[in-house]
Amino acid sequence: MARNALPDLSLSLQFADATHRALLPRHKVARWIRAGLELPAAITVRIVGEEEGRALNREYRKKDYATNVLTFDYVQEPEIEADLVLCAPVVEREAKDQKIDLAAHYAHLLVHGTLHAQGYDHEDDGPEAACMEARETEVLAGLGFADPYA
Protein backbone atom coordinates (compact mmCIF):
# COMPACT_ATOMS: atom_id res chain seq x y z
CA MET A 1 0.00 0.00 0.00
CA ALA A 2 1.38 3.41 -0.96
CA ARG A 3 2.05 5.97 1.76
CA ASN A 4 -1.14 7.88 2.68
CA ALA A 5 -3.19 5.58 0.44
CA LEU A 6 -6.40 4.20 1.87
CA PRO A 7 -6.67 0.43 2.31
CA ASP A 8 -8.44 -1.64 -0.34
CA LEU A 9 -12.10 -2.33 0.33
CA SER A 10 -14.36 -4.96 -1.15
CA LEU A 11 -17.86 -3.70 -0.29
CA SER A 12 -21.21 -5.42 -0.55
CA LEU A 13 -24.10 -3.02 0.13
CA GLN A 14 -27.53 -4.51 0.82
CA PHE A 15 -30.86 -2.81 1.50
CA ALA A 16 -33.49 -4.91 3.26
CA ASP A 17 -34.97 -1.51 4.20
CA ALA A 18 -34.55 0.88 1.27
CA THR A 19 -35.91 3.96 3.07
CA HIS A 20 -32.54 5.73 2.98
CA ARG A 21 -31.13 4.17 -0.19
CA ALA A 22 -30.75 7.57 -1.94
CA LEU A 23 -28.84 8.89 1.08
CA LEU A 24 -26.39 5.97 1.01
CA PRO A 25 -24.88 5.66 -2.46
CA ARG A 26 -22.16 3.04 -2.71
CA HIS A 27 -19.35 5.57 -3.22
CA LYS A 28 -20.23 7.46 -0.01
CA VAL A 29 -20.56 4.31 2.10
CA ALA A 30 -17.22 3.05 0.73
CA ARG A 31 -15.54 6.41 1.44
CA TRP A 32 -16.80 6.50 5.03
CA ILE A 33 -15.75 2.91 5.75
CA ARG A 34 -12.39 3.18 4.00
CA ALA A 35 -11.54 6.27 6.08
CA GLY A 36 -11.70 4.15 9.24
CA LEU A 37 -9.80 1.16 7.87
CA GLU A 38 -6.27 0.34 8.92
CA LEU A 39 -6.00 -2.82 6.78
CA PRO A 40 -7.59 -4.03 3.55
CA ALA A 41 -11.12 -5.31 4.11
CA ALA A 42 -14.09 -7.22 2.75
CA ILE A 43 -17.17 -5.73 4.40
CA THR A 44 -20.86 -6.28 3.85
CA VAL A 45 -23.16 -3.44 4.93
CA ARG A 46 -26.81 -4.37 5.35
CA ILE A 47 -29.46 -1.74 6.04
CA VAL A 48 -32.39 -3.38 7.82
CA GLY A 49 -35.77 -2.59 9.31
CA GLU A 50 -36.76 -2.73 12.96
CA GLU A 51 -37.87 -6.38 12.92
CA GLU A 52 -34.63 -7.77 11.47
CA GLY A 53 -32.52 -5.46 13.62
CA ARG A 54 -34.30 -6.60 16.76
CA ALA A 55 -34.07 -10.30 15.82
CA LEU A 56 -30.32 -10.06 15.18
CA ASN A 57 -29.66 -8.14 18.41
CA ARG A 58 -31.75 -10.64 20.38
CA GLU A 59 -30.04 -13.66 18.81
CA TYR A 60 -26.44 -12.47 18.98
CA ARG A 61 -26.35 -10.08 21.92
CA LYS A 62 -29.32 -11.37 23.96
CA LYS A 63 -30.84 -7.86 23.92
CA ASP A 64 -34.47 -7.69 22.83
CA TYR A 65 -34.51 -4.39 20.93
CA ALA A 66 -33.24 -3.05 17.64
CA THR A 67 -29.96 -1.17 17.97
CA ASN A 68 -28.33 1.31 15.59
CA VAL A 69 -25.38 -0.81 14.39
CA LEU A 70 -24.23 -4.38 14.88
CA THR A 71 -20.74 -5.49 13.90
CA PHE A 72 -19.98 -9.10 13.09
CA ASP A 73 -16.21 -9.41 12.74
CA TYR A 74 -14.90 -12.70 11.42
CA VAL A 75 -11.25 -12.04 10.56
CA GLN A 76 -9.02 -9.12 11.55
CA GLU A 77 -5.74 -10.01 9.80
CA PRO A 78 -4.31 -9.97 7.19
CA GLU A 79 -7.60 -8.65 5.80
CA ILE A 80 -10.63 -7.59 7.79
CA GLU A 81 -13.79 -9.57 7.06
CA ALA A 82 -16.95 -8.27 8.66
CA ASP A 83 -20.65 -7.53 8.35
CA LEU A 84 -22.12 -4.23 9.54
CA VAL A 85 -25.88 -4.19 10.08
CA LEU A 86 -27.54 -0.80 10.49
CA CYS A 87 -31.19 -0.47 11.50
CA ALA A 88 -32.64 2.38 9.42
CA PRO A 89 -35.55 3.30 11.74
CA VAL A 90 -33.25 3.45 14.78
CA VAL A 91 -30.61 5.51 12.94
CA GLU A 92 -33.30 7.93 11.75
CA ARG A 93 -34.84 8.22 15.23
CA GLU A 94 -31.47 8.89 16.85
CA ALA A 95 -30.54 11.54 14.29
CA LYS A 96 -33.87 13.29 14.84
CA ASP A 97 -33.61 13.07 18.65
CA GLN A 98 -30.02 14.36 18.59
CA LYS A 99 -30.87 17.02 15.97
CA ILE A 100 -28.07 15.89 13.68
CA ASP A 101 -27.92 15.33 9.95
CA LEU A 102 -29.00 11.79 9.00
CA ALA A 103 -26.09 11.28 6.59
CA ALA A 104 -23.63 12.40 9.27
CA HIS A 105 -25.13 9.88 11.70
CA TYR A 106 -24.84 7.08 9.13
CA ALA A 107 -21.21 8.08 8.49
CA HIS A 108 -20.51 7.97 12.23
CA LEU A 109 -22.12 4.56 12.68
CA LEU A 110 -20.31 3.11 9.67
CA VAL A 111 -16.98 4.37 11.02
CA HIS A 112 -17.94 3.08 14.48
CA GLY A 113 -18.77 -0.37 13.12
CA THR A 114 -15.60 -0.42 11.02
CA LEU A 115 -13.51 0.29 14.12
CA HIS A 116 -15.27 -2.52 16.00
CA ALA A 117 -14.44 -4.85 13.10
CA GLN A 118 -10.76 -4.02 13.73
CA GLY A 119 -10.91 -4.79 17.44
CA TYR A 120 -11.69 -1.36 18.89
CA ASP A 121 -14.01 -1.57 21.89
CA HIS A 122 -15.97 0.76 24.16
CA GLU A 123 -17.83 -1.58 26.49
CA ASP A 124 -16.10 -0.20 29.58
CA ASP A 125 -15.69 3.54 30.10
CA GLY A 126 -11.93 3.16 30.32
CA PRO A 127 -8.92 3.86 28.12
CA GLU A 128 -10.19 1.59 25.31
CA ALA A 129 -13.43 3.58 25.04
CA ALA A 130 -11.52 6.87 25.05
CA CYS A 131 -9.18 5.54 22.34
CA MET A 132 -12.10 4.42 20.17
CA GLU A 133 -13.96 7.71 20.56
CA ALA A 134 -10.80 9.69 19.75
CA ARG A 135 -10.25 7.60 16.60
CA GLU A 136 -13.89 8.05 15.54
CA THR A 137 -13.64 11.81 16.05
CA GLU A 138 -10.38 11.97 14.06
CA VAL A 139 -11.78 9.92 11.14
CA LEU A 140 -15.03 11.87 11.02
CA ALA A 141 -13.19 15.21 11.12
CA GLY A 142 -11.14 14.03 8.15
CA LEU A 143 -14.42 13.36 6.34
CA GLY A 144 -15.75 16.82 7.19
CA PHE A 145 -18.15 15.77 9.96
CA ALA A 146 -18.46 17.24 13.44
CA ASP A 147 -17.33 15.43 16.58
CA PRO A 148 -20.21 13.04 17.42
CA TYR A 149 -19.25 13.14 21.08
CA ALA A 150 -19.11 16.94 21.47
C-alpha atoms as a PDB file:
ATOM      1  CA  MET A   1       0.000   0.000   0.000  1.00  0.00           C
ATOM      2  CA  ALA A   2       1.384   3.408  -0.965  1.00  0.00           C
ATOM      3  CA  ARG A   3       2.046   5.967   1.762  1.00  0.00           C
ATOM      4  CA  ASN A   4      -1.144   7.876   2.683  1.00  0.00           C
ATOM      5  CA  ALA A   5      -3.187   5.581   0.435  1.00  0.00           C
ATOM      6  CA  LEU A   6      -6.396   4.203   1.871  1.00  0.00           C
ATOM      7  CA  PRO A   7      -6.665   0.435   2.314  1.00  0.00           C
ATOM      8  CA  ASP A   8      -8.441  -1.638  -0.338  1.00  0.00           C
ATOM      9  CA  LEU A   9     -12.098  -2.332   0.329  1.00  0.00           C
ATOM     10  CA  SER A  10     -14.363  -4.956  -1.155  1.00  0.00           C
ATOM     11  CA  LEU A  11     -17.857  -3.698  -0.290  1.00  0.00           C
ATOM     12  CA  SER A  12     -21.210  -5.423  -0.549  1.00  0.00           C
ATOM     13  CA  LEU A  13     -24.098  -3.023   0.133  1.00  0.00           C
ATOM     14  CA  GLN A  14     -27.534  -4.511   0.820  1.00  0.00           C
ATOM     15  CA  PHE A  15     -30.860  -2.808   1.496  1.00  0.00           C
ATOM     16  CA  ALA A  16     -33.489  -4.912   3.259  1.00  0.00           C
ATOM     17  CA  ASP A  17     -34.973  -1.507   4.200  1.00  0.00           C
ATOM     18  CA  ALA A  18     -34.553   0.882   1.265  1.00  0.00           C
ATOM     19  CA  THR A  19     -35.915   3.963   3.070  1.00  0.00           C
ATOM     20  CA  HIS A  20     -32.538   5.730   2.984  1.00  0.00           C
ATOM     21  CA  ARG A  21     -31.126   4.175  -0.191  1.00  0.00           C
ATOM     22  CA  ALA A  22     -30.747   7.566  -1.940  1.00  0.00           C
ATOM     23  CA  LEU A  23     -28.836   8.895   1.082  1.00  0.00           C
ATOM     24  CA  LEU A  24     -26.390   5.972   1.011  1.00  0.00           C
ATOM     25  CA  PRO A  25     -24.882   5.659  -2.459  1.00  0.00           C
ATOM     26  CA  ARG A  26     -22.163   3.039  -2.705  1.00  0.00           C
ATOM     27  CA  HIS A  27     -19.352   5.568  -3.223  1.00  0.00           C
ATOM     28  CA  LYS A  28     -20.225   7.462  -0.009  1.00  0.00           C
ATOM     29  CA  VAL A  29     -20.555   4.314   2.095  1.00  0.00           C
ATOM     30  CA  ALA A  30     -17.218   3.053   0.727  1.00  0.00           C
ATOM     31  CA  ARG A  31     -15.536   6.409   1.439  1.00  0.00           C
ATOM     32  CA  TRP A  32     -16.796   6.498   5.026  1.00  0.00           C
ATOM     33  CA  ILE A  33     -15.750   2.911   5.749  1.00  0.00           C
ATOM     34  CA  ARG A  34     -12.389   3.183   3.997  1.00  0.00           C
ATOM     35  CA  ALA A  35     -11.539   6.273   6.079  1.00  0.00           C
ATOM     36  CA  GLY A  36     -11.700   4.150   9.237  1.00  0.00           C
ATOM     37  CA  LEU A  37      -9.797   1.164   7.868  1.00  0.00           C
ATOM     38  CA  GLU A  38      -6.266   0.337   8.921  1.00  0.00           C
ATOM     39  CA  LEU A  39      -6.002  -2.822   6.778  1.00  0.00           C
ATOM     40  CA  PRO A  40      -7.594  -4.032   3.553  1.00  0.00           C
ATOM     41  CA  ALA A  41     -11.124  -5.309   4.109  1.00  0.00           C
ATOM     42  CA  ALA A  42     -14.086  -7.216   2.755  1.00  0.00           C
ATOM     43  CA  ILE A  43     -17.171  -5.730   4.395  1.00  0.00           C
ATOM     44  CA  THR A  44     -20.863  -6.280   3.848  1.00  0.00           C
ATOM     45  CA  VAL A  45     -23.157  -3.445   4.932  1.00  0.00           C
ATOM     46  CA  ARG A  46     -26.808  -4.370   5.353  1.00  0.00           C
ATOM     47  CA  ILE A  47     -29.460  -1.745   6.044  1.00  0.00           C
ATOM     48  CA  VAL A  48     -32.392  -3.383   7.822  1.00  0.00           C
ATOM     49  CA  GLY A  49     -35.768  -2.590   9.312  1.00  0.00           C
ATOM     50  CA  GLU A  50     -36.762  -2.732  12.961  1.00  0.00           C
ATOM     51  CA  GLU A  51     -37.869  -6.378  12.921  1.00  0.00           C
ATOM     52  CA  GLU A  52     -34.630  -7.770  11.466  1.00  0.00           C
ATOM     53  CA  GLY A  53     -32.517  -5.463  13.624  1.00  0.00           C
ATOM     54  CA  ARG A  54     -34.305  -6.604  16.762  1.00  0.00           C
ATOM     55  CA  ALA A  55     -34.072 -10.299  15.824  1.00  0.00           C
ATOM     56  CA  LEU A  56     -30.318 -10.063  15.185  1.00  0.00           C
ATOM     57  CA  ASN A  57     -29.656  -8.140  18.410  1.00  0.00           C
ATOM     58  CA  ARG A  58     -31.747 -10.635  20.377  1.00  0.00           C
ATOM     59  CA  GLU A  59     -30.041 -13.661  18.814  1.00  0.00           C
ATOM     60  CA  TYR A  60     -26.436 -12.475  18.977  1.00  0.00           C
ATOM     61  CA  ARG A  61     -26.349 -10.079  21.920  1.00  0.00           C
ATOM     62  CA  LYS A  62     -29.319 -11.369  23.960  1.00  0.00           C
ATOM     63  CA  LYS A  63     -30.836  -7.859  23.917  1.00  0.00           C
ATOM     64  CA  ASP A  64     -34.474  -7.693  22.826  1.00  0.00           C
ATOM     65  CA  TYR A  65     -34.509  -4.395  20.932  1.00  0.00           C
ATOM     66  CA  ALA A  66     -33.237  -3.045  17.642  1.00  0.00           C
ATOM     67  CA  THR A  67     -29.959  -1.172  17.967  1.00  0.00           C
ATOM     68  CA  ASN A  68     -28.332   1.311  15.587  1.00  0.00           C
ATOM     69  CA  VAL A  69     -25.384  -0.811  14.388  1.00  0.00           C
ATOM     70  CA  LEU A  70     -24.232  -4.385  14.881  1.00  0.00           C
ATOM     71  CA  THR A  71     -20.741  -5.494  13.901  1.00  0.00           C
ATOM     72  CA  PHE A  72     -19.981  -9.100  13.087  1.00  0.00           C
ATOM     73  CA  ASP A  73     -16.210  -9.407  12.737  1.00  0.00           C
ATOM     74  CA  TYR A  74     -14.900 -12.697  11.424  1.00  0.00           C
ATOM     75  CA  VAL A  75     -11.246 -12.042  10.557  1.00  0.00           C
ATOM     76  CA  GLN A  76      -9.015  -9.121  11.550  1.00  0.00           C
ATOM     77  CA  GLU A  77      -5.740 -10.010   9.795  1.00  0.00           C
ATOM     78  CA  PRO A  78      -4.307  -9.972   7.193  1.00  0.00           C
ATOM     79  CA  GLU A  79      -7.601  -8.653   5.803  1.00  0.00           C
ATOM     80  CA  ILE A  80     -10.632  -7.588   7.789  1.00  0.00           C
ATOM     81  CA  GLU A  81     -13.788  -9.572   7.058  1.00  0.00           C
ATOM     82  CA  ALA A  82     -16.954  -8.269   8.665  1.00  0.00           C
ATOM     83  CA  ASP A  83     -20.649  -7.533   8.353  1.00  0.00           C
ATOM     84  CA  LEU A  84     -22.116  -4.233   9.536  1.00  0.00           C
ATOM     85  CA  VAL A  85     -25.879  -4.193  10.077  1.00  0.00           C
ATOM     86  CA  LEU A  86     -27.544  -0.800  10.489  1.00  0.00           C
ATOM     87  CA  CYS A  87     -31.188  -0.465  11.503  1.00  0.00           C
ATOM     88  CA  ALA A  88     -32.639   2.380   9.416  1.00  0.00           C
ATOM     89  CA  PRO A  89     -35.545   3.297  11.738  1.00  0.00           C
ATOM     90  CA  VAL A  90     -33.246   3.445  14.783  1.00  0.00           C
ATOM     91  CA  VAL A  91     -30.613   5.510  12.937  1.00  0.00           C
ATOM     92  CA  GLU A  92     -33.295   7.929  11.746  1.00  0.00           C
ATOM     93  CA  ARG A  93     -34.844   8.220  15.226  1.00  0.00           C
ATOM     94  CA  GLU A  94     -31.470   8.889  16.850  1.00  0.00           C
ATOM     95  CA  ALA A  95     -30.540  11.539  14.286  1.00  0.00           C
ATOM     96  CA  LYS A  96     -33.873  13.289  14.837  1.00  0.00           C
ATOM     97  CA  ASP A  97     -33.609  13.073  18.646  1.00  0.00           C
ATOM     98  CA  GLN A  98     -30.018  14.361  18.595  1.00  0.00           C
ATOM     99  CA  LYS A  99     -30.871  17.024  15.974  1.00  0.00           C
ATOM    100  CA  ILE A 100     -28.066  15.886  13.684  1.00  0.00           C
ATOM    101  CA  ASP A 101     -27.917  15.326   9.947  1.00  0.00           C
ATOM    102  CA  LEU A 102     -29.002  11.794   9.003  1.00  0.00           C
ATOM    103  CA  ALA A 103     -26.091  11.279   6.589  1.00  0.00           C
ATOM    104  CA  ALA A 104     -23.625  12.405   9.274  1.00  0.00           C
ATOM    105  CA  HIS A 105     -25.131   9.883  11.698  1.00  0.00           C
ATOM    106  CA  TYR A 106     -24.842   7.077   9.135  1.00  0.00           C
ATOM    107  CA  ALA A 107     -21.212   8.080   8.492  1.00  0.00           C
ATOM    108  CA  HIS A 108     -20.512   7.972  12.234  1.00  0.00           C
ATOM    109  CA  LEU A 109     -22.115   4.563  12.681  1.00  0.00           C
ATOM    110  CA  LEU A 110     -20.305   3.105   9.668  1.00  0.00           C
ATOM    111  CA  VAL A 111     -16.981   4.369  11.016  1.00  0.00           C
ATOM    112  CA  HIS A 112     -17.943   3.084  14.481  1.00  0.00           C
ATOM    113  CA  GLY A 113     -18.766  -0.372  13.118  1.00  0.00           C
ATOM    114  CA  THR A 114     -15.602  -0.418  11.020  1.00  0.00           C
ATOM    115  CA  LEU A 115     -13.513   0.292  14.119  1.00  0.00           C
ATOM    116  CA  HIS A 116     -15.274  -2.519  16.003  1.00  0.00           C
ATOM    117  CA  ALA A 117     -14.439  -4.855  13.101  1.00  0.00           C
ATOM    118  CA  GLN A 118     -10.765  -4.023  13.735  1.00  0.00           C
ATOM    119  CA  GLY A 119     -10.911  -4.786  17.439  1.00  0.00           C
ATOM    120  CA  TYR A 120     -11.694  -1.362  18.888  1.00  0.00           C
ATOM    121  CA  ASP A 121     -14.014  -1.569  21.894  1.00  0.00           C
ATOM    122  CA  HIS A 122     -15.968   0.763  24.158  1.00  0.00           C
ATOM    123  CA  GLU A 123     -17.833  -1.584  26.491  1.00  0.00           C
ATOM    124  CA  ASP A 124     -16.101  -0.204  29.575  1.00  0.00           C
ATOM    125  CA  ASP A 125     -15.692   3.541  30.096  1.00  0.00           C
ATOM    126  CA  GLY A 126     -11.925   3.164  30.322  1.00  0.00           C
ATOM    127  CA  PRO A 127      -8.925   3.857  28.124  1.00  0.00           C
ATOM    128  CA  GLU A 128     -10.189   1.587  25.309  1.00  0.00           C
ATOM    129  CA  ALA A 129     -13.433   3.577  25.036  1.00  0.00           C
ATOM    130  CA  ALA A 130     -11.523   6.872  25.045  1.00  0.00           C
ATOM    131  CA  CYS A 131      -9.180   5.543  22.344  1.00  0.00           C
ATOM    132  CA  MET A 132     -12.096   4.421  20.170  1.00  0.00           C
ATOM    133  CA  GLU A 133     -13.961   7.714  20.564  1.00  0.00           C
ATOM    134  CA  ALA A 134     -10.804   9.689  19.747  1.00  0.00           C
ATOM    135  CA  ARG A 135     -10.246   7.603  16.603  1.00  0.00           C
ATOM    136  CA  GLU A 136     -13.885   8.051  15.541  1.00  0.00           C
ATOM    137  CA  THR A 137     -13.642  11.813  16.052  1.00  0.00           C
ATOM    138  CA  GLU A 138     -10.383  11.972  14.059  1.00  0.00           C
ATOM    139  CA  VAL A 139     -11.775   9.920  11.141  1.00  0.00           C
ATOM    140  CA  LEU A 140     -15.032  11.875  11.019  1.00  0.00           C
ATOM    141  CA  ALA A 141     -13.192  15.211  11.116  1.00  0.00           C
ATOM    142  CA  GLY A 142     -11.143  14.031   8.146  1.00  0.00           C
ATOM    143  CA  LEU A 143     -14.418  13.365   6.337  1.00  0.00           C
ATOM    144  CA  GLY A 144     -15.748  16.824   7.194  1.00  0.00           C
ATOM    145  CA  PHE A 145     -18.154  15.774   9.955  1.00  0.00           C
ATOM    146  CA  ALA A 146     -18.460  17.242  13.440  1.00  0.00           C
ATOM    147  CA  ASP A 147     -17.330  15.425  16.578  1.00  0.00           C
ATOM    148  CA  PRO A 148     -20.208  13.042  17.416  1.00  0.00           C
ATOM    149  CA  TYR A 149     -19.249  13.144  21.078  1.00  0.00           C
ATOM    150  CA  ALA A 150     -19.114  16.944  21.469  1.00  0.00           C
END
